[in-house]
């Protein structure tokens, strides 16, 4: 697992949001921050990071990062979920998209404090 890796739940009846790893799992494998892509439409969406078609193959319309839904996960749990077929790994996002997502993480007021601390401790946001 690396920063920029993207995962998707295999059963879209459960969830249909792709998740992006935005912290460095090597620095803290027990507290990996991931955020999810969600449609950008809607007045209550956080527009701190807008992604467009072409920013990632999974994106088919204007998309934003849902920082309020950021979670800490363990690398070992994600590895186990992949092995079990619960989630699948997609193509990672590019370095430029990770930079954009991290800039949004720094700008948003929606990122949970525990996720913010991990990113700050890894010098990914200031």
N, C-alpha and C. Protein backbone atom coordinates (compact mmCIF):
# COMPACT_ATOMS: atom_id res chain seq x y z
N UNK A 1 0.85 -1.17 0.00
CA UNK A 1 0.00 0.00 0.00
C UNK A 1 0.89 1.24 0.00
N UNK A 2 0.48 2.24 -0.81
CA UNK A 2 1.24 3.48 -0.90
C UNK A 2 0.29 4.66 -0.96
N UNK A 3 0.82 5.84 -0.67
CA UNK A 3 0.05 7.05 -0.84
C UNK A 3 -0.38 7.13 -2.31
N UNK A 4 -1.63 7.45 -2.54
CA UNK A 4 -2.17 7.52 -3.90
C UNK A 4 -2.92 6.29 -4.34
N UNK A 5 -2.80 5.19 -3.59
CA UNK A 5 -3.55 3.98 -3.95
C UNK A 5 -5.04 4.23 -3.81
N UNK A 6 -5.81 3.61 -4.70
CA UNK A 6 -7.26 3.79 -4.73
C UNK A 6 -7.92 2.42 -4.58
N UNK A 7 -8.96 2.37 -3.74
CA UNK A 7 -9.68 1.12 -3.46
C UNK A 7 -11.17 1.34 -3.63
N UNK A 8 -11.86 0.27 -4.01
CA UNK A 8 -13.30 0.31 -4.22
C UNK A 8 -13.94 -0.93 -3.62
N UNK A 9 -15.04 -0.74 -2.87
CA UNK A 9 -15.80 -1.88 -2.35
C UNK A 9 -16.33 -2.66 -3.55
N UNK A 10 -16.23 -3.97 -3.52
CA UNK A 10 -16.61 -4.79 -4.68
C UNK A 10 -18.11 -4.92 -4.86
N UNK A 11 -18.90 -4.69 -3.82
CA UNK A 11 -20.36 -4.78 -3.91
C UNK A 11 -20.94 -3.37 -3.86
N UNK A 12 -21.35 -2.84 -5.04
CA UNK A 12 -21.82 -1.46 -5.06
C UNK A 12 -23.19 -1.28 -4.39
N UNK A 13 -23.81 -2.37 -3.93
CA UNK A 13 -25.02 -2.22 -3.12
C UNK A 13 -24.65 -1.77 -1.71
N UNK A 14 -23.42 -2.01 -1.31
CA UNK A 14 -22.93 -1.60 0.01
C UNK A 14 -22.38 -0.18 -0.06
N UNK A 15 -21.58 0.09 -1.08
CA UNK A 15 -20.94 1.40 -1.21
C UNK A 15 -20.42 1.52 -2.63
N UNK A 16 -20.43 2.73 -3.16
CA UNK A 16 -19.90 2.92 -4.51
C UNK A 16 -18.93 4.09 -4.59
N UNK A 17 -18.23 4.35 -3.50
CA UNK A 17 -17.25 5.42 -3.47
C UNK A 17 -15.84 4.83 -3.47
N UNK A 18 -15.02 5.33 -4.38
CA UNK A 18 -13.61 4.94 -4.38
C UNK A 18 -12.89 5.71 -3.28
N UNK A 19 -11.96 5.05 -2.63
CA UNK A 19 -11.20 5.65 -1.53
C UNK A 19 -9.74 5.79 -1.93
N UNK A 20 -9.15 6.92 -1.54
CA UNK A 20 -7.77 7.24 -1.89
C UNK A 20 -6.93 7.34 -0.62
N UNK A 21 -5.81 6.64 -0.59
CA UNK A 21 -4.87 6.73 0.52
C UNK A 21 -4.12 8.05 0.36
N UNK A 22 -4.20 8.93 1.40
CA UNK A 22 -3.54 10.23 1.31
C UNK A 22 -2.46 10.44 2.37
N UNK A 23 -2.13 9.39 3.12
CA UNK A 23 -1.02 9.46 4.06
C UNK A 23 0.01 8.41 3.65
N UNK A 24 1.13 8.40 4.33
CA UNK A 24 2.20 7.46 4.03
C UNK A 24 2.08 6.24 4.93
N UNK A 25 1.60 5.12 4.40
CA UNK A 25 1.45 3.92 5.24
C UNK A 25 2.75 3.43 5.87
N UNK A 26 3.88 3.67 5.22
CA UNK A 26 5.16 3.23 5.80
C UNK A 26 5.47 3.98 7.09
N UNK A 27 5.00 5.22 7.20
CA UNK A 27 5.25 6.01 8.41
C UNK A 27 4.39 5.56 9.58
N UNK A 28 3.17 5.14 9.28
CA UNK A 28 2.27 4.73 10.34
C UNK A 28 1.23 3.76 9.77
N UNK A 29 1.56 2.46 9.68
CA UNK A 29 0.64 1.49 9.07
C UNK A 29 -0.64 1.26 9.87
N UNK A 30 -0.67 1.69 11.11
CA UNK A 30 -1.89 1.52 11.92
C UNK A 30 -2.82 2.72 11.85
N UNK A 31 -2.38 3.79 11.19
CA UNK A 31 -3.21 4.97 11.02
C UNK A 31 -3.01 5.53 9.62
N UNK A 32 -3.64 4.88 8.66
CA UNK A 32 -3.58 5.30 7.27
C UNK A 32 -4.84 6.13 6.99
N UNK A 33 -4.63 7.33 6.43
CA UNK A 33 -5.76 8.20 6.13
C UNK A 33 -6.23 7.91 4.71
N UNK A 34 -7.55 7.66 4.58
CA UNK A 34 -8.12 7.62 3.24
C UNK A 34 -9.37 8.45 3.18
N UNK A 35 -9.60 9.00 2.01
CA UNK A 35 -10.76 9.86 1.74
C UNK A 35 -11.48 9.27 0.53
N UNK A 36 -12.71 9.71 0.31
CA UNK A 36 -13.41 9.15 -0.84
C UNK A 36 -13.82 10.21 -1.85
N UNK A 37 -13.90 9.73 -3.11
CA UNK A 37 -14.45 10.53 -4.19
C UNK A 37 -15.96 10.55 -4.02
N UNK A 38 -16.59 11.68 -4.32
CA UNK A 38 -18.04 11.76 -4.35
C UNK A 38 -18.44 12.81 -5.38
N UNK A 39 -19.66 12.71 -5.89
CA UNK A 39 -20.11 13.68 -6.88
C UNK A 39 -20.03 15.10 -6.33
N UNK A 40 -19.66 16.05 -7.18
CA UNK A 40 -19.45 17.43 -6.74
C UNK A 40 -20.75 18.23 -6.66
N UNK A 41 -21.83 17.69 -7.22
CA UNK A 41 -23.08 18.43 -7.20
C UNK A 41 -23.69 18.42 -5.80
N UNK A 42 -24.44 19.45 -5.49
CA UNK A 42 -25.09 19.53 -4.18
C UNK A 42 -24.52 20.66 -3.36
N UNK A 43 -25.41 21.39 -2.70
CA UNK A 43 -24.97 22.58 -1.97
C UNK A 43 -24.14 22.27 -0.73
N UNK A 44 -24.23 21.07 -0.20
CA UNK A 44 -23.51 20.75 1.03
C UNK A 44 -22.20 20.00 0.78
N UNK A 45 -21.77 19.95 -0.48
CA UNK A 45 -20.50 19.29 -0.81
C UNK A 45 -19.34 20.22 -0.46
N UNK A 46 -18.25 19.63 -0.03
CA UNK A 46 -17.02 20.37 0.26
C UNK A 46 -16.28 20.52 -1.07
N UNK A 47 -16.08 21.74 -1.50
CA UNK A 47 -15.43 21.98 -2.79
C UNK A 47 -13.97 22.38 -2.63
N UNK A 48 -13.33 21.93 -1.55
CA UNK A 48 -11.91 22.22 -1.33
C UNK A 48 -11.02 21.54 -2.36
N UNK A 49 -11.51 20.44 -2.92
CA UNK A 49 -10.75 19.73 -3.96
C UNK A 49 -11.74 19.18 -4.98
N UNK A 50 -11.72 19.77 -6.17
CA UNK A 50 -12.57 19.31 -7.27
C UNK A 50 -11.69 18.57 -8.27
N UNK A 51 -12.13 17.39 -8.64
CA UNK A 51 -11.44 16.59 -9.65
C UNK A 51 -12.33 16.46 -10.88
N UNK A 52 -11.71 16.35 -12.01
CA UNK A 52 -12.42 16.31 -13.29
C UNK A 52 -12.22 14.96 -13.98
N UNK A 53 -13.05 14.69 -14.97
CA UNK A 53 -12.86 13.51 -15.81
C UNK A 53 -11.43 13.57 -16.35
N UNK A 54 -10.74 12.46 -16.26
CA UNK A 54 -9.35 12.41 -16.70
C UNK A 54 -8.36 12.45 -15.55
N UNK A 55 -8.81 12.93 -14.38
CA UNK A 55 -7.91 12.93 -13.22
C UNK A 55 -7.67 11.51 -12.69
N UNK A 56 -8.62 10.62 -12.95
CA UNK A 56 -8.49 9.20 -12.58
C UNK A 56 -9.49 8.43 -13.43
N UNK A 57 -9.16 7.21 -13.88
CA UNK A 57 -10.07 6.45 -14.74
C UNK A 57 -11.45 6.18 -14.12
N UNK A 58 -11.55 6.14 -12.80
CA UNK A 58 -12.83 5.86 -12.14
C UNK A 58 -13.75 7.07 -12.20
N UNK A 59 -13.21 8.27 -12.36
CA UNK A 59 -14.00 9.50 -12.35
C UNK A 59 -14.70 9.68 -13.69
N UNK A 60 -16.04 9.74 -13.65
CA UNK A 60 -16.84 9.88 -14.86
C UNK A 60 -17.63 11.19 -14.90
N UNK A 61 -17.49 12.00 -13.86
CA UNK A 61 -18.15 13.30 -13.80
C UNK A 61 -17.37 14.16 -12.81
N UNK A 62 -17.68 15.44 -12.75
CA UNK A 62 -16.99 16.30 -11.79
C UNK A 62 -17.18 15.72 -10.39
N UNK A 63 -16.09 15.63 -9.67
CA UNK A 63 -16.04 14.90 -8.40
C UNK A 63 -15.32 15.75 -7.36
N UNK A 64 -15.70 15.59 -6.11
CA UNK A 64 -14.96 16.26 -5.04
C UNK A 64 -14.51 15.20 -4.04
N UNK A 65 -13.61 15.63 -3.17
CA UNK A 65 -13.14 14.76 -2.10
C UNK A 65 -14.02 15.05 -0.88
N UNK A 66 -14.57 14.00 -0.29
CA UNK A 66 -15.40 14.15 0.90
C UNK A 66 -14.50 14.05 2.13
N UNK A 67 -13.93 15.19 2.50
CA UNK A 67 -13.01 15.19 3.64
C UNK A 67 -13.71 14.85 4.95
N UNK A 68 -14.99 15.21 5.10
CA UNK A 68 -15.70 14.89 6.34
C UNK A 68 -15.82 13.39 6.54
N UNK A 69 -15.72 12.62 5.47
CA UNK A 69 -15.82 11.16 5.55
C UNK A 69 -14.45 10.49 5.61
N UNK A 70 -13.39 11.27 5.79
CA UNK A 70 -12.04 10.69 5.91
C UNK A 70 -12.00 9.73 7.09
N UNK A 71 -11.25 8.67 6.93
CA UNK A 71 -11.15 7.65 7.98
C UNK A 71 -9.71 7.24 8.16
N UNK A 72 -9.41 6.76 9.36
CA UNK A 72 -8.14 6.10 9.62
C UNK A 72 -8.38 4.60 9.53
N UNK A 73 -7.55 3.93 8.76
CA UNK A 73 -7.64 2.48 8.62
C UNK A 73 -6.26 1.90 8.85
N UNK A 74 -6.23 0.63 9.17
CA UNK A 74 -4.96 -0.08 9.33
C UNK A 74 -4.58 -0.72 7.99
N UNK A 75 -3.32 -0.61 7.66
CA UNK A 75 -2.85 -1.23 6.43
C UNK A 75 -3.16 -2.73 6.43
N UNK A 76 -3.01 -3.38 7.57
CA UNK A 76 -3.27 -4.82 7.65
C UNK A 76 -4.74 -5.14 7.36
N UNK A 77 -5.66 -4.26 7.79
CA UNK A 77 -7.08 -4.48 7.50
C UNK A 77 -7.35 -4.35 6.01
N UNK A 78 -6.77 -3.33 5.39
CA UNK A 78 -6.98 -3.13 3.95
C UNK A 78 -6.42 -4.32 3.18
N UNK A 79 -5.24 -4.78 3.56
CA UNK A 79 -4.65 -5.97 2.91
C UNK A 79 -5.57 -7.17 3.06
N UNK A 80 -6.14 -7.34 4.25
CA UNK A 80 -7.06 -8.45 4.50
C UNK A 80 -8.32 -8.33 3.66
N UNK A 81 -8.87 -7.11 3.54
CA UNK A 81 -10.09 -6.89 2.74
C UNK A 81 -9.83 -7.17 1.25
N UNK A 82 -8.65 -6.81 0.78
CA UNK A 82 -8.30 -7.10 -0.61
C UNK A 82 -8.22 -8.61 -0.81
N UNK A 83 -7.54 -9.31 0.11
CA UNK A 83 -7.41 -10.77 0.03
C UNK A 83 -8.78 -11.46 0.05
N UNK A 84 -9.70 -10.92 0.85
CA UNK A 84 -11.04 -11.51 0.98
C UNK A 84 -11.95 -11.14 -0.20
N UNK A 85 -11.52 -10.20 -1.01
CA UNK A 85 -12.34 -9.78 -2.15
C UNK A 85 -13.40 -8.75 -1.78
N UNK A 86 -13.34 -8.21 -0.58
CA UNK A 86 -14.30 -7.21 -0.13
C UNK A 86 -14.08 -5.88 -0.83
N UNK A 87 -12.81 -5.55 -1.07
CA UNK A 87 -12.46 -4.35 -1.83
C UNK A 87 -11.46 -4.76 -2.90
N UNK A 88 -11.35 -3.92 -3.91
CA UNK A 88 -10.34 -4.17 -4.95
C UNK A 88 -9.52 -2.91 -5.15
N UNK A 89 -8.29 -3.12 -5.52
CA UNK A 89 -7.38 -2.02 -5.77
C UNK A 89 -7.55 -1.56 -7.20
N UNK A 90 -7.70 -0.26 -7.38
CA UNK A 90 -7.79 0.34 -8.70
C UNK A 90 -6.45 0.98 -9.05
N UNK A 91 -6.39 1.60 -10.19
CA UNK A 91 -5.19 2.34 -10.61
C UNK A 91 -4.97 3.48 -9.63
N UNK A 92 -3.73 3.69 -9.17
CA UNK A 92 -3.47 4.80 -8.25
C UNK A 92 -3.69 6.15 -8.93
N UNK A 93 -3.90 7.18 -8.12
CA UNK A 93 -3.95 8.54 -8.66
C UNK A 93 -2.53 9.01 -8.92
N UNK A 94 -2.41 10.00 -9.77
CA UNK A 94 -1.09 10.56 -10.10
C UNK A 94 -0.57 11.42 -8.95
N UNK A 95 0.71 11.72 -9.01
CA UNK A 95 1.31 12.60 -8.01
C UNK A 95 0.64 13.97 -8.01
N UNK A 96 0.28 14.47 -9.19
CA UNK A 96 -0.36 15.79 -9.25
C UNK A 96 -1.74 15.77 -8.60
N UNK A 97 -2.46 14.66 -8.72
CA UNK A 97 -3.78 14.57 -8.07
C UNK A 97 -3.60 14.44 -6.56
N UNK A 98 -2.62 13.68 -6.10
CA UNK A 98 -2.35 13.60 -4.66
C UNK A 98 -2.03 14.98 -4.12
N UNK A 99 -1.21 15.74 -4.84
CA UNK A 99 -0.88 17.10 -4.41
C UNK A 99 -2.15 17.93 -4.28
N UNK A 100 -3.03 17.83 -5.25
CA UNK A 100 -4.29 18.58 -5.23
C UNK A 100 -5.16 18.15 -4.04
N UNK A 101 -5.24 16.85 -3.78
CA UNK A 101 -6.03 16.34 -2.66
C UNK A 101 -5.46 16.83 -1.33
N UNK A 102 -4.14 16.81 -1.20
CA UNK A 102 -3.51 17.27 0.04
C UNK A 102 -3.66 18.79 0.21
N UNK A 103 -3.62 19.54 -0.87
CA UNK A 103 -3.89 20.98 -0.78
C UNK A 103 -5.32 21.22 -0.28
N UNK A 104 -6.25 20.41 -0.77
CA UNK A 104 -7.63 20.49 -0.29
C UNK A 104 -7.75 20.10 1.16
N UNK A 105 -6.98 19.09 1.58
CA UNK A 105 -7.00 18.65 2.99
C UNK A 105 -6.52 19.77 3.90
N UNK A 106 -5.57 20.55 3.41
CA UNK A 106 -5.06 21.66 4.20
C UNK A 106 -6.07 22.81 4.25
N UNK A 107 -6.84 22.99 3.17
CA UNK A 107 -7.77 24.11 3.07
C UNK A 107 -9.13 23.85 3.75
N UNK A 108 -9.56 22.60 3.76
CA UNK A 108 -10.90 22.28 4.24
C UNK A 108 -11.02 22.45 5.75
N UNK A 109 -12.24 22.68 6.19
CA UNK A 109 -12.55 22.68 7.62
C UNK A 109 -13.28 21.40 8.01
N UNK A 110 -13.41 20.48 7.05
CA UNK A 110 -14.19 19.26 7.24
C UNK A 110 -13.37 18.04 7.66
N UNK A 111 -12.05 18.10 7.51
CA UNK A 111 -11.21 16.94 7.80
C UNK A 111 -11.19 16.67 9.30
N UNK A 112 -11.55 15.45 9.72
CA UNK A 112 -11.51 15.13 11.16
C UNK A 112 -10.12 15.37 11.74
N UNK A 113 -10.07 15.84 12.98
CA UNK A 113 -8.82 16.18 13.64
C UNK A 113 -7.82 15.05 13.69
N UNK A 114 -8.29 13.82 13.92
CA UNK A 114 -7.36 12.69 14.01
C UNK A 114 -6.67 12.44 12.67
N UNK A 115 -7.39 12.65 11.57
CA UNK A 115 -6.80 12.50 10.24
C UNK A 115 -5.85 13.65 9.95
N UNK A 116 -6.26 14.84 10.35
CA UNK A 116 -5.44 16.03 10.17
C UNK A 116 -4.09 15.86 10.90
N UNK A 117 -4.12 15.31 12.11
CA UNK A 117 -2.90 15.12 12.88
C UNK A 117 -1.92 14.17 12.19
N UNK A 118 -2.45 13.09 11.62
CA UNK A 118 -1.58 12.14 10.91
C UNK A 118 -0.90 12.83 9.73
N UNK A 119 -1.68 13.58 8.96
CA UNK A 119 -1.11 14.28 7.80
C UNK A 119 -0.10 15.34 8.23
N UNK A 120 -0.40 16.04 9.30
CA UNK A 120 0.52 17.06 9.84
C UNK A 120 1.81 16.40 10.33
N UNK A 121 1.68 15.31 11.09
CA UNK A 121 2.86 14.61 11.63
C UNK A 121 3.76 14.07 10.52
N UNK A 122 3.19 13.78 9.36
CA UNK A 122 3.96 13.27 8.23
C UNK A 122 4.43 14.39 7.29
N UNK A 123 4.22 15.64 7.72
CA UNK A 123 4.60 16.81 6.91
C UNK A 123 3.93 16.84 5.55
N UNK A 124 2.71 16.31 5.47
CA UNK A 124 1.97 16.33 4.22
C UNK A 124 1.08 17.57 4.13
N UNK A 125 0.71 18.13 5.29
CA UNK A 125 0.01 19.40 5.38
C UNK A 125 0.67 20.21 6.49
N UNK A 126 0.43 21.53 6.46
CA UNK A 126 1.03 22.36 7.52
C UNK A 126 -0.06 22.94 8.42
